[in-house]
N, C-alpha and C. Protein backbone atom coordinates (compact mmCIF):
# COMPACT_ATOMS: atom_id res chain seq x y z
N MET A 1 69.32 188.93 35.17
CA MET A 1 68.86 187.66 34.28
C MET A 1 69.86 186.39 34.05
N LYS A 2 71.20 187.04 34.33
CA LYS A 2 72.07 185.71 34.13
C LYS A 2 71.54 184.43 35.57
N PRO A 3 71.31 184.93 36.59
CA PRO A 3 71.16 183.91 37.53
C PRO A 3 69.88 182.76 37.18
N ILE A 4 68.80 183.53 36.50
CA ILE A 4 67.64 182.77 35.89
C ILE A 4 68.38 182.10 34.74
N LEU A 5 68.88 182.46 33.87
CA LEU A 5 69.56 181.61 32.54
C LEU A 5 70.59 180.11 33.56
N LYS A 6 71.34 181.08 34.52
CA LYS A 6 72.00 179.32 35.36
C LYS A 6 70.85 178.45 35.57
N ARG A 7 70.17 178.98 36.39
CA ARG A 7 69.05 177.90 37.40
C ARG A 7 68.12 177.12 35.85
N ASN A 8 67.89 178.14 34.96
CA ASN A 8 67.00 177.14 33.77
C ASN A 8 68.19 176.63 33.29
N ASN A 9 69.49 176.50 32.86
CA ASN A 9 70.53 175.49 32.64
C ASN A 9 70.51 174.32 33.56
N PHE A 10 70.39 174.86 34.74
CA PHE A 10 70.79 173.50 35.52
C PHE A 10 69.20 172.75 35.54
N LEU A 11 67.97 173.23 35.48
CA LEU A 11 66.99 172.67 35.58
C LEU A 11 66.26 171.89 34.83
N LEU A 12 66.87 172.44 33.44
CA LEU A 12 66.44 171.25 32.10
C LEU A 12 66.90 169.77 32.12
N PRO A 13 68.01 170.26 32.17
CA PRO A 13 68.87 168.79 32.15
C PRO A 13 68.21 167.53 33.26
N LEU A 14 67.76 168.15 34.53
CA LEU A 14 67.08 167.78 35.31
C LEU A 14 66.30 166.82 35.15
N ALA A 15 65.03 168.18 34.36
CA ALA A 15 63.54 167.58 33.94
C ALA A 15 63.50 166.54 32.61
N ALA A 16 64.88 166.79 31.87
CA ALA A 16 65.06 165.59 31.35
C ALA A 16 65.63 164.44 31.66
N ALA A 17 66.24 164.35 32.77
CA ALA A 17 66.35 163.12 33.23
C ALA A 17 65.47 162.33 34.11
N MET A 18 64.57 163.14 34.59
CA MET A 18 63.22 162.75 35.09
C MET A 18 62.20 162.21 33.81
N LEU A 19 62.30 162.92 33.21
CA LEU A 19 61.15 162.23 32.02
C LEU A 19 61.90 160.85 31.65
N ILE A 20 62.72 160.67 31.09
CA ILE A 20 63.60 159.75 30.63
C ILE A 20 63.37 158.67 31.54
N LEU A 21 63.42 158.98 33.05
CA LEU A 21 63.39 158.02 34.41
C LEU A 21 62.11 157.50 33.86
N ASN A 22 60.81 158.58 33.97
CA ASN A 22 59.76 158.18 34.09
C ASN A 22 59.17 157.12 32.97
N LEU A 23 59.74 157.56 31.69
CA LEU A 23 59.72 156.79 30.51
C LEU A 23 59.87 155.38 30.73
N ILE A 24 61.40 155.24 31.33
CA ILE A 24 61.72 153.93 31.46
C ILE A 24 60.62 153.06 32.52
N MET A 25 60.51 153.70 33.66
CA MET A 25 59.04 152.95 34.80
C MET A 25 58.18 152.65 34.12
N SER A 26 57.72 153.57 33.17
CA SER A 26 56.73 152.92 32.89
C SER A 26 56.30 151.76 32.09
N CYS A 27 57.39 152.14 30.91
CA CYS A 27 57.89 150.97 30.07
C CYS A 27 57.83 149.56 30.58
N ARG A 28 58.55 149.32 31.76
CA ARG A 28 58.52 148.52 33.19
C ARG A 28 57.48 147.62 33.26
N SER A 29 56.37 149.00 33.65
CA SER A 29 55.33 148.95 34.07
C SER A 29 53.84 148.00 33.20
N MET A 30 53.98 148.37 31.92
CA MET A 30 53.46 148.18 30.75
C MET A 30 53.85 146.81 30.77
N GLN A 31 55.14 146.12 30.65
CA GLN A 31 55.79 145.12 30.45
C GLN A 31 55.13 144.13 31.55
N VAL A 32 55.48 144.52 32.98
CA VAL A 32 55.25 143.83 34.14
C VAL A 32 53.34 143.15 33.82
N SER A 33 52.37 144.40 33.48
CA SER A 33 51.41 144.36 33.48
C SER A 33 50.44 143.44 32.49
N GLY A 34 51.87 143.00 31.60
CA GLY A 34 51.64 142.17 30.40
C GLY A 34 51.77 140.71 30.83
N LEU A 35 52.09 140.82 31.87
CA LEU A 35 52.58 139.27 32.30
C LEU A 35 51.31 138.31 32.68
N GLU A 36 51.56 137.25 32.27
CA GLU A 36 50.48 136.10 32.83
C GLU A 36 50.67 135.45 33.61
N ASN A 37 49.61 134.77 34.44
CA ASN A 37 49.79 134.02 35.53
C ASN A 37 50.49 132.69 34.81
N GLY A 38 51.59 131.93 35.18
CA GLY A 38 52.12 131.03 35.11
C GLY A 38 52.97 131.05 33.92
N ASP A 39 53.60 132.13 33.51
CA ASP A 39 54.52 132.86 32.74
C ASP A 39 55.52 131.96 33.37
N LEU A 40 56.52 131.69 32.53
CA LEU A 40 57.89 131.19 33.23
C LEU A 40 59.09 132.19 32.54
N LEU A 41 59.97 132.44 33.84
CA LEU A 41 60.84 133.36 33.19
C LEU A 41 62.07 132.97 33.42
N PHE A 42 62.94 132.79 32.52
CA PHE A 42 64.02 131.95 31.97
C PHE A 42 65.30 133.36 32.28
N VAL A 43 66.58 132.92 32.71
CA VAL A 43 67.58 133.78 32.96
C VAL A 43 68.75 133.63 32.44
N THR A 44 69.15 134.75 31.50
CA THR A 44 70.47 134.26 30.52
C THR A 44 71.59 133.73 31.44
N ALA A 45 72.34 132.63 30.81
CA ALA A 45 73.76 132.13 31.68
C ALA A 45 74.26 133.26 31.30
N LYS A 46 75.63 133.07 32.36
CA LYS A 46 76.60 133.90 32.28
C LYS A 46 77.68 133.11 31.55
N GLU A 47 79.30 133.60 31.15
CA GLU A 47 79.92 132.90 30.17
C GLU A 47 80.98 131.99 30.73
N THR A 48 81.36 132.18 32.10
CA THR A 48 81.92 131.69 33.30
C THR A 48 81.33 130.93 34.54
N GLY A 49 81.90 130.56 35.25
CA GLY A 49 81.58 129.73 36.49
C GLY A 49 80.53 128.43 36.36
N LEU A 50 79.99 128.58 37.51
CA LEU A 50 78.47 127.78 37.37
C LEU A 50 78.00 127.75 36.14
N SER A 51 77.30 128.99 35.93
CA SER A 51 76.53 129.32 34.84
C SER A 51 77.00 128.84 33.58
N GLY A 52 78.22 129.37 33.18
CA GLY A 52 78.82 129.13 32.15
C GLY A 52 79.14 127.35 32.13
N ALA A 53 79.21 126.90 32.85
CA ALA A 53 78.91 125.50 32.95
C ALA A 53 78.01 124.65 32.42
N ILE A 54 76.74 125.28 33.21
CA ILE A 54 75.79 124.53 32.59
C ILE A 54 75.11 124.68 31.12
N ASN A 55 75.65 126.13 30.87
CA ASN A 55 75.13 126.29 29.83
C ASN A 55 76.13 125.51 28.59
N ASN A 56 77.33 125.31 28.85
CA ASN A 56 78.22 124.69 27.70
C ASN A 56 77.76 123.19 27.60
N VAL A 57 77.42 122.93 28.46
CA VAL A 57 76.89 121.12 28.21
C VAL A 57 75.42 121.02 27.90
N THR A 58 74.32 121.98 28.29
CA THR A 58 73.34 122.15 27.88
C THR A 58 72.41 123.21 26.51
N GLN A 59 73.01 124.02 26.12
CA GLN A 59 72.50 124.82 25.29
C GLN A 59 72.31 123.85 23.97
N LYS A 60 71.11 124.47 24.09
CA LYS A 60 70.39 123.85 22.70
C LYS A 60 70.09 124.69 21.32
N GLN A 61 69.82 126.03 21.64
CA GLN A 61 69.59 126.64 20.64
C GLN A 61 70.58 128.19 20.28
N ARG A 62 70.92 128.51 19.49
CA ARG A 62 71.69 130.00 19.23
C ARG A 62 71.07 130.89 20.00
N ASN A 63 69.90 131.07 20.06
CA ASN A 63 69.59 132.32 20.43
C ASN A 63 69.44 132.04 21.97
N ALA A 64 69.31 131.46 22.35
CA ALA A 64 68.98 130.81 24.02
C ALA A 64 69.95 129.85 24.92
N SER A 65 70.40 131.11 25.59
CA SER A 65 71.54 130.12 26.39
C SER A 65 70.66 130.76 28.33
N PHE A 66 70.07 129.58 28.86
CA PHE A 66 70.06 129.99 30.10
C PHE A 66 70.65 128.97 31.33
N ASP A 67 70.65 129.91 32.39
CA ASP A 67 71.03 128.60 33.90
C ASP A 67 69.71 129.09 35.10
N HIS A 68 68.98 129.48 34.59
CA HIS A 68 67.83 129.22 35.86
C HIS A 68 66.43 130.08 35.16
N ILE A 69 65.55 129.44 36.13
CA ILE A 69 63.93 129.29 35.64
C ILE A 69 63.41 129.61 36.62
N GLY A 70 62.13 130.20 36.67
CA GLY A 70 61.09 130.31 37.39
C GLY A 70 59.96 130.37 36.65
N ILE A 71 58.67 130.54 37.81
CA ILE A 71 57.30 130.56 37.49
C ILE A 71 56.60 131.43 38.16
N LEU A 72 55.86 132.23 37.01
CA LEU A 72 55.39 133.69 37.85
C LEU A 72 53.66 133.18 38.51
N GLU A 73 53.31 133.97 39.80
CA GLU A 73 51.94 133.75 40.01
C GLU A 73 51.79 135.15 40.35
N LYS A 74 50.48 135.34 39.96
CA LYS A 74 49.94 136.43 39.95
C LYS A 74 48.58 136.57 40.84
N SER A 75 48.62 137.32 41.87
CA SER A 75 47.46 136.99 42.92
C SER A 75 46.70 138.21 43.51
N ARG A 76 46.31 138.02 44.03
CA ARG A 76 45.65 139.52 45.10
C ARG A 76 46.44 140.12 45.67
N THR A 77 47.99 139.43 46.15
CA THR A 77 48.46 139.95 46.88
C THR A 77 49.62 140.39 46.27
N GLY A 78 49.61 140.22 45.23
CA GLY A 78 50.93 140.67 44.47
C GLY A 78 51.66 139.68 43.50
N THR A 79 52.52 139.91 42.77
CA THR A 79 53.32 138.97 41.75
C THR A 79 54.37 138.34 42.22
N PHE A 80 54.28 137.56 41.89
CA PHE A 80 55.77 136.68 42.57
C PHE A 80 56.35 135.58 41.48
N VAL A 81 57.66 135.13 42.05
CA VAL A 81 58.10 134.23 41.35
C VAL A 81 57.97 133.03 42.21
N LEU A 82 58.08 131.73 41.90
CA LEU A 82 58.18 130.68 42.73
C LEU A 82 59.21 129.90 41.86
N HIS A 83 60.21 130.05 42.70
CA HIS A 83 62.10 129.04 42.20
C HIS A 83 62.77 128.67 42.87
N ALA A 84 63.44 127.65 42.63
CA ALA A 84 64.14 127.00 43.59
C ALA A 84 65.72 127.83 42.94
N ALA A 85 66.54 128.37 44.42
CA ALA A 85 67.86 129.14 43.72
C ALA A 85 68.55 128.66 44.92
N PRO A 86 70.30 128.50 44.75
CA PRO A 86 71.07 128.36 45.38
C PRO A 86 71.19 129.23 46.69
N ASN A 87 70.33 130.59 46.63
CA ASN A 87 70.67 131.02 47.96
C ASN A 87 68.80 131.24 48.52
N GLY A 88 68.48 130.51 48.98
CA GLY A 88 67.06 130.34 49.57
C GLY A 88 66.47 129.15 49.47
N GLY A 89 66.87 128.28 48.19
CA GLY A 89 66.16 127.01 48.05
C GLY A 89 64.71 127.14 47.44
N SER A 90 63.51 126.53 47.93
CA SER A 90 62.69 126.77 46.96
C SER A 90 61.87 128.35 47.80
N GLN A 91 61.69 128.89 46.96
CA GLN A 91 61.23 129.86 47.69
C GLN A 91 60.01 130.76 46.86
N LYS A 92 58.99 131.78 47.17
CA LYS A 92 58.45 132.29 46.67
C LYS A 92 59.08 134.12 46.71
N GLN A 93 59.63 134.55 45.74
CA GLN A 93 60.14 135.85 45.73
C GLN A 93 59.67 137.23 44.80
N ASN A 94 59.45 138.26 45.47
CA ASN A 94 58.56 138.76 44.97
C ASN A 94 59.07 139.70 43.48
N LEU A 95 58.33 140.11 42.43
CA LEU A 95 58.68 140.17 41.12
C LEU A 95 59.89 140.83 40.93
N LYS A 96 60.07 142.11 41.93
CA LYS A 96 60.46 142.91 41.75
C LYS A 96 61.81 142.71 42.70
N GLY A 97 61.88 141.68 43.43
CA GLY A 97 63.27 141.32 44.07
C GLY A 97 63.58 140.97 43.26
N PHE A 98 63.11 139.65 42.34
CA PHE A 98 63.60 138.67 41.49
C PHE A 98 64.24 139.56 40.49
N LEU A 99 63.78 140.52 39.76
CA LEU A 99 64.37 141.37 38.42
C LEU A 99 65.47 142.04 39.37
N LYS A 100 65.29 142.51 40.40
CA LYS A 100 66.59 143.17 40.91
C LYS A 100 67.58 142.30 40.84
N ASP A 101 67.65 141.20 41.60
CA ASP A 101 68.72 140.12 41.95
C ASP A 101 69.48 139.96 40.65
N GLN A 102 68.83 139.52 39.32
CA GLN A 102 69.30 139.37 37.60
C GLN A 102 69.88 140.56 37.43
N GLU A 103 69.20 141.94 37.66
CA GLU A 103 69.70 142.87 37.01
C GLU A 103 71.53 143.15 37.74
N ASN A 104 71.30 142.88 39.16
CA ASN A 104 72.60 142.90 40.15
C ASN A 104 73.71 142.25 39.46
N ASP A 105 73.19 140.69 38.94
CA ASP A 105 74.14 139.88 38.40
C ASP A 105 74.42 140.20 36.74
N GLY A 106 74.05 141.22 36.52
CA GLY A 106 74.44 141.41 34.94
C GLY A 106 73.35 140.50 34.12
N GLN A 107 72.44 139.89 34.46
CA GLN A 107 71.88 139.24 33.31
C GLN A 107 70.60 139.52 33.42
N ARG A 108 69.73 138.82 31.86
CA ARG A 108 68.71 139.24 31.47
C ARG A 108 67.49 138.07 31.53
N VAL A 109 66.80 138.60 31.75
CA VAL A 109 65.24 137.77 31.93
C VAL A 109 63.87 137.56 30.52
N MET A 110 64.12 136.31 30.13
CA MET A 110 63.24 135.97 28.82
C MET A 110 62.14 135.63 29.51
N VAL A 111 61.06 135.84 28.74
CA VAL A 111 59.30 135.34 29.62
C VAL A 111 59.00 134.21 28.37
N TYR A 112 58.44 133.25 28.68
CA TYR A 112 58.13 131.94 27.77
C TYR A 112 56.97 131.64 28.32
N ARG A 113 55.91 131.38 27.50
CA ARG A 113 54.52 131.30 28.01
C ARG A 113 53.93 129.91 27.32
N LEU A 114 53.08 129.07 28.26
CA LEU A 114 52.84 127.75 27.43
C LEU A 114 51.81 127.92 26.21
N LYS A 115 51.48 127.29 25.34
CA LYS A 115 51.01 127.69 24.25
C LYS A 115 49.49 127.20 24.89
N ALA A 116 48.36 128.04 23.89
CA ALA A 116 47.05 128.00 24.68
C ALA A 116 46.60 126.75 25.19
N ARG A 117 46.76 126.01 24.32
CA ARG A 117 45.89 124.74 24.50
C ARG A 117 46.55 124.01 25.97
N TYR A 118 47.77 124.35 26.57
CA TYR A 118 47.93 123.84 27.52
C TYR A 118 48.12 124.60 29.00
N ARG A 119 47.64 126.15 28.57
CA ARG A 119 47.35 126.37 29.67
C ARG A 119 46.13 126.35 30.90
N PRO A 120 45.54 125.36 30.74
CA PRO A 120 44.64 125.23 31.64
C PRO A 120 45.17 123.99 32.78
N VAL A 121 46.37 123.77 32.63
CA VAL A 121 47.10 122.99 33.58
C VAL A 121 47.95 123.87 34.36
N ILE A 122 47.99 125.11 34.53
CA ILE A 122 48.53 126.32 34.97
C ILE A 122 48.34 126.41 36.68
N PRO A 123 47.09 126.60 36.95
CA PRO A 123 46.41 126.32 38.43
C PRO A 123 47.41 125.34 38.98
N LYS A 124 47.03 124.26 38.79
CA LYS A 124 47.46 123.15 39.31
C LYS A 124 49.05 122.89 39.56
N ALA A 125 49.61 123.81 38.47
CA ALA A 125 51.22 123.80 38.64
C ALA A 125 51.87 124.76 39.83
N ILE A 126 50.79 125.80 39.61
CA ILE A 126 51.55 127.07 40.64
C ILE A 126 50.90 126.34 42.31
N GLY A 127 49.97 125.42 42.22
CA GLY A 127 49.26 124.71 43.21
C GLY A 127 50.64 123.93 44.06
N LYS A 128 50.81 122.77 43.04
CA LYS A 128 52.26 122.19 43.49
C LYS A 128 53.79 123.10 43.63
N ALA A 129 53.75 123.82 42.81
CA ALA A 129 55.13 124.95 43.26
C ALA A 129 54.78 125.10 44.64
N ASN A 130 53.93 125.57 45.04
CA ASN A 130 53.62 126.54 46.30
C ASN A 130 53.92 125.21 47.36
N SER A 131 53.14 124.03 47.16
CA SER A 131 53.47 123.09 47.89
C SER A 131 55.24 122.44 48.39
N MET A 132 55.69 122.82 47.06
CA MET A 132 57.14 122.56 47.24
C MET A 132 58.10 123.66 47.78
N LEU A 133 57.36 124.78 48.69
CA LEU A 133 58.46 125.89 48.71
C LEU A 133 59.35 125.20 50.41
N GLY A 134 59.97 125.46 50.62
CA GLY A 134 60.46 125.66 51.65
C GLY A 134 61.88 124.08 51.71
N LYS A 135 62.14 124.02 50.60
CA LYS A 135 62.83 122.78 50.79
C LYS A 135 64.22 123.04 49.97
N PRO A 136 65.20 122.87 50.47
CA PRO A 136 66.95 123.41 50.40
C PRO A 136 67.08 122.96 48.98
N TYR A 137 68.24 124.09 48.22
CA TYR A 137 68.69 123.62 47.24
C TYR A 137 69.53 122.46 46.70
N ASN A 138 69.41 121.53 45.45
CA ASN A 138 70.06 120.90 45.31
C ASN A 138 70.98 120.99 44.60
N PHE A 139 72.29 121.12 45.37
CA PHE A 139 73.52 121.71 45.05
C PHE A 139 74.45 119.96 43.85
N ASN A 140 73.93 119.07 44.38
CA ASN A 140 74.59 118.17 43.83
C ASN A 140 74.04 117.68 42.01
N TYR A 141 72.70 118.25 41.82
CA TYR A 141 71.94 118.54 40.59
C TYR A 141 71.72 116.67 39.92
N ILE A 142 71.58 115.94 41.29
CA ILE A 142 71.15 114.30 41.00
C ILE A 142 69.85 114.55 41.82
N LEU A 143 68.60 114.05 41.06
CA LEU A 143 67.55 113.99 41.60
C LEU A 143 67.25 113.50 42.73
N ASP A 144 66.67 114.17 43.79
CA ASP A 144 66.14 113.47 45.19
C ASP A 144 65.12 114.13 45.36
N GLU A 145 64.31 113.53 46.47
CA GLU A 145 62.97 113.78 47.04
C GLU A 145 62.80 115.03 48.27
N ASN A 146 64.40 115.33 48.56
CA ASN A 146 64.43 116.02 49.97
C ASN A 146 65.04 117.75 49.16
N SER A 147 65.30 117.55 48.32
CA SER A 147 66.07 119.41 47.25
C SER A 147 65.74 119.16 46.04
N TYR A 148 65.52 120.54 45.87
CA TYR A 148 65.49 120.65 44.15
C TYR A 148 66.31 122.12 43.44
N TYR A 149 66.71 121.58 42.19
CA TYR A 149 67.41 122.69 41.35
C TYR A 149 66.43 123.23 40.62
N CYS A 150 66.71 124.20 39.89
CA CYS A 150 65.59 125.30 39.19
C CYS A 150 65.04 124.58 38.27
N SER A 151 65.48 124.08 37.36
CA SER A 151 64.77 123.29 36.53
C SER A 151 64.07 122.09 36.89
N ASP A 152 64.49 121.34 37.91
CA ASP A 152 64.14 120.19 38.41
C ASP A 152 62.81 120.57 39.35
N PHE A 153 62.60 122.03 39.83
CA PHE A 153 61.75 122.50 40.40
C PHE A 153 60.20 122.71 39.80
N ILE A 154 60.12 123.49 38.52
CA ILE A 154 59.69 123.33 37.43
C ILE A 154 58.91 122.53 36.92
N GLU A 155 59.82 121.43 35.93
CA GLU A 155 59.64 120.24 35.86
C GLU A 155 58.47 119.45 37.03
N ARG A 156 58.77 119.25 38.29
CA ARG A 156 58.07 118.47 38.73
C ARG A 156 56.68 119.16 39.10
N ALA A 157 56.94 120.83 38.99
CA ALA A 157 55.54 121.59 39.14
C ALA A 157 54.23 120.92 37.86
N PHE A 158 55.13 120.64 36.75
CA PHE A 158 54.20 120.10 35.74
C PHE A 158 53.95 118.94 35.38
N ARG A 159 54.58 117.82 36.07
CA ARG A 159 54.93 116.34 36.37
C ARG A 159 53.93 116.13 35.82
N ASP A 160 52.71 116.15 36.44
CA ASP A 160 51.51 115.33 36.45
C ASP A 160 50.86 115.63 35.10
N ASP A 161 50.99 116.60 34.36
CA ASP A 161 50.39 116.92 33.06
C ASP A 161 51.26 116.56 31.94
N HIS A 162 52.40 116.15 32.23
CA HIS A 162 53.44 115.66 31.22
C HIS A 162 53.79 117.11 30.19
N ILE A 163 54.06 118.06 30.92
CA ILE A 163 54.46 118.95 29.92
C ILE A 163 55.76 119.34 29.62
N PHE A 164 56.63 118.70 30.96
CA PHE A 164 58.39 118.76 30.21
C PHE A 164 58.53 116.79 30.79
N ARG A 165 59.83 116.67 30.14
CA ARG A 165 60.36 115.54 30.22
C ARG A 165 61.58 115.48 30.87
N LEU A 166 62.13 114.49 31.83
CA LEU A 166 63.21 114.16 32.18
C LEU A 166 64.04 113.44 31.09
N GLU A 167 65.31 113.78 31.03
CA GLU A 167 66.14 113.10 29.63
C GLU A 167 67.73 112.69 30.15
N PRO A 168 68.01 112.05 29.64
CA PRO A 168 69.59 111.37 30.04
C PRO A 168 70.22 113.33 30.09
N MET A 169 70.79 112.83 31.68
CA MET A 169 71.79 114.02 31.63
C MET A 169 73.07 113.84 30.94
N THR A 170 73.79 115.24 30.52
CA THR A 170 75.11 115.28 29.71
C THR A 170 76.18 116.11 30.53
N PHE A 171 77.18 115.98 30.24
CA PHE A 171 78.60 116.51 31.39
C PHE A 171 79.39 117.00 30.17
N VAL A 172 79.13 116.29 28.94
CA VAL A 172 80.70 116.18 27.97
C VAL A 172 80.68 117.77 27.02
N ASP A 173 81.61 118.13 26.80
CA ASP A 173 81.55 119.83 26.15
C ASP A 173 81.79 119.44 24.88
N PRO A 174 80.59 119.74 24.57
CA PRO A 174 80.50 119.52 22.59
C PRO A 174 81.59 119.59 22.11
N LYS A 175 82.51 120.37 22.55
CA LYS A 175 83.58 121.07 21.61
C LYS A 175 84.79 120.22 21.77
N THR A 176 85.04 119.71 22.76
CA THR A 176 85.92 118.35 22.83
C THR A 176 85.63 116.70 22.99
N GLY A 177 84.17 116.92 23.21
CA GLY A 177 83.67 115.38 23.21
C GLY A 177 84.32 114.55 24.81
N GLN A 178 85.01 115.33 25.46
CA GLN A 178 85.17 114.98 26.87
C GLN A 178 84.36 115.43 28.09
N THR A 179 84.46 114.93 29.16
CA THR A 179 83.72 115.40 30.42
C THR A 179 83.96 117.14 30.80
N ASN A 180 83.47 117.86 30.67
CA ASN A 180 83.92 119.38 30.78
C ASN A 180 84.59 119.38 32.18
N THR A 181 85.47 120.12 31.64
CA THR A 181 86.61 119.96 33.09
C THR A 181 85.94 120.42 34.27
N PHE A 182 85.33 121.77 34.35
CA PHE A 182 84.33 122.14 35.51
C PHE A 182 83.81 120.61 36.37
N TRP A 183 82.88 120.37 35.02
CA TRP A 183 81.68 119.42 36.29
C TRP A 183 82.95 118.25 36.65
N LYS A 184 83.85 117.80 36.01
CA LYS A 184 85.01 116.82 36.34
C LYS A 184 85.01 117.42 37.67
N GLU A 185 85.96 118.57 38.02
CA GLU A 185 86.61 118.87 39.09
C GLU A 185 85.36 118.98 40.65
N PHE A 186 83.81 119.12 39.53
CA PHE A 186 82.70 119.74 40.59
C PHE A 186 82.52 118.26 41.53
N TYR A 187 82.60 117.37 40.75
CA TYR A 187 81.87 116.10 41.23
C TYR A 187 83.26 115.48 41.93
N GLN A 188 84.22 115.43 41.96
CA GLN A 188 85.48 115.10 42.66
C GLN A 188 85.39 115.69 43.62
N LYS A 189 84.99 116.89 44.06
CA LYS A 189 85.13 117.76 45.41
C LYS A 189 84.22 117.04 46.31
N LYS A 190 83.33 116.80 45.28
CA LYS A 190 81.96 116.00 46.35
C LYS A 190 82.02 114.59 46.32
N ASN A 191 83.32 113.72 45.80
CA ASN A 191 83.30 112.40 46.06
C ASN A 191 82.06 111.91 45.48
N LEU A 192 81.67 112.38 44.31
CA LEU A 192 80.85 111.68 43.72
C LEU A 192 81.24 111.40 42.04
N LYS A 193 80.51 110.35 41.70
CA LYS A 193 80.55 110.36 40.33
C LYS A 193 80.04 111.10 39.32
N VAL A 194 80.29 111.81 38.03
CA VAL A 194 79.74 112.41 37.17
C VAL A 194 78.67 111.65 36.73
N PRO A 195 77.18 112.24 36.72
CA PRO A 195 76.06 111.48 36.50
C PRO A 195 75.35 111.47 35.36
N GLU A 196 76.68 111.38 34.50
CA GLU A 196 76.40 111.18 33.11
C GLU A 196 75.61 110.27 32.62
N GLY A 197 74.27 110.52 32.05
CA GLY A 197 73.16 109.53 31.49
C GLY A 197 72.11 109.36 32.51
N GLU A 198 72.40 109.95 33.72
CA GLU A 198 71.14 110.16 34.71
C GLU A 198 70.13 110.89 34.45
N PRO A 199 68.94 110.69 34.55
CA PRO A 199 67.90 111.53 34.31
C PRO A 199 67.46 112.53 34.95
N GLY A 200 67.49 113.42 34.02
CA GLY A 200 67.37 115.20 35.01
C GLY A 200 66.98 116.09 34.09
N CYS A 201 67.04 117.60 33.83
CA CYS A 201 66.65 118.40 32.95
C CYS A 201 67.49 119.40 33.45
N ASN A 202 67.22 120.93 32.34
CA ASN A 202 67.98 122.13 32.38
C ASN A 202 66.84 123.35 31.98
N PRO A 203 67.50 124.56 32.16
CA PRO A 203 66.77 125.39 31.61
C PRO A 203 66.76 125.52 30.34
N ASN A 204 68.08 125.34 29.57
CA ASN A 204 67.93 125.05 28.24
C ASN A 204 66.83 124.18 27.74
N GLY A 205 67.19 123.01 28.10
CA GLY A 205 66.20 122.36 27.57
C GLY A 205 64.75 122.32 27.91
N LEU A 206 64.22 122.69 29.27
CA LEU A 206 62.68 123.37 29.47
C LEU A 206 62.60 124.59 28.10
N ALA A 207 63.29 125.28 27.89
CA ALA A 207 63.21 126.44 26.89
C ALA A 207 62.95 126.00 25.60
N ALA A 208 63.45 124.85 25.14
CA ALA A 208 63.28 124.05 23.99
C ALA A 208 62.05 123.46 23.68
N SER A 209 61.25 123.28 24.41
CA SER A 209 60.07 122.49 24.73
C SER A 209 59.00 123.38 23.79
N ASP A 210 58.12 122.63 22.73
CA ASP A 210 57.70 122.86 21.44
C ASP A 210 56.04 123.43 22.62
N LYS A 211 55.78 123.06 23.54
CA LYS A 211 54.62 123.50 24.47
C LYS A 211 54.73 124.86 24.80
N LEU A 212 55.91 125.44 24.21
CA LEU A 212 55.77 127.07 24.98
C LEU A 212 56.21 127.73 23.76
N GLU A 213 56.08 129.19 24.17
CA GLU A 213 56.11 130.10 23.47
C GLU A 213 56.94 131.27 23.95
N ARG A 214 57.89 132.17 23.00
CA ARG A 214 58.98 132.94 23.72
C ARG A 214 58.02 134.58 23.51
N VAL A 215 58.33 135.30 24.63
CA VAL A 215 56.97 136.13 24.59
C VAL A 215 57.58 137.77 24.42
N MET A 216 58.72 137.71 25.27
CA MET A 216 59.19 138.69 25.34
C MET A 216 60.52 138.79 26.51
N GLU A 217 61.74 140.20 26.10
CA GLU A 217 62.27 140.00 27.38
C GLU A 217 61.98 141.14 28.21
N LEU A 218 61.90 140.79 30.02
CA LEU A 218 61.68 142.00 30.78
C LEU A 218 62.96 142.87 31.08
N LYS A 219 62.43 144.02 30.61
CA LYS A 219 63.62 144.99 30.67
C LYS A 219 63.45 146.16 31.91
């Protein structure tokens, strides 16, 4: 009798763990199935480094601080994220791999969606995004035609239909009123002038668009 009880004591926690894992996987599967073609995936910002520096000078909403963005493409061959990233440039990445990368970095993914009246432009935007694949990442964050940074890639995808707009960039720390130290040193190392006031865009600016609605967090 004792060996049977011991075995049951081992099997019960194992069964419970498997049940919880199945529930988690089921919830994620339901979330993914609820995604729509053209959804925008915003990645939450970190507090330090490049991510923190981007957020420091661009955050517009209390409950939204992002440092990356991609657009979702659902097709017969799978579900993909089209985005421009430092590692790989402008690319088409499997959604599962994209989510895993953010999870490994301790970042979360928020789903935003174009409001109904703007959604007809999505197929054209995805076509444009696909045409930009293969270009290197723009590490200077100064607009050019040969490389893209993340929000630049998305703005260009929708540019013909004026979904987003370029705005004068700022690198000023709102707490001090001075150029953020990170950015000052960042551009000094590149022998470039801080592009204060030059046209550009950022994930926080795109997330603040009145053409978008927040849908959910992908867990």
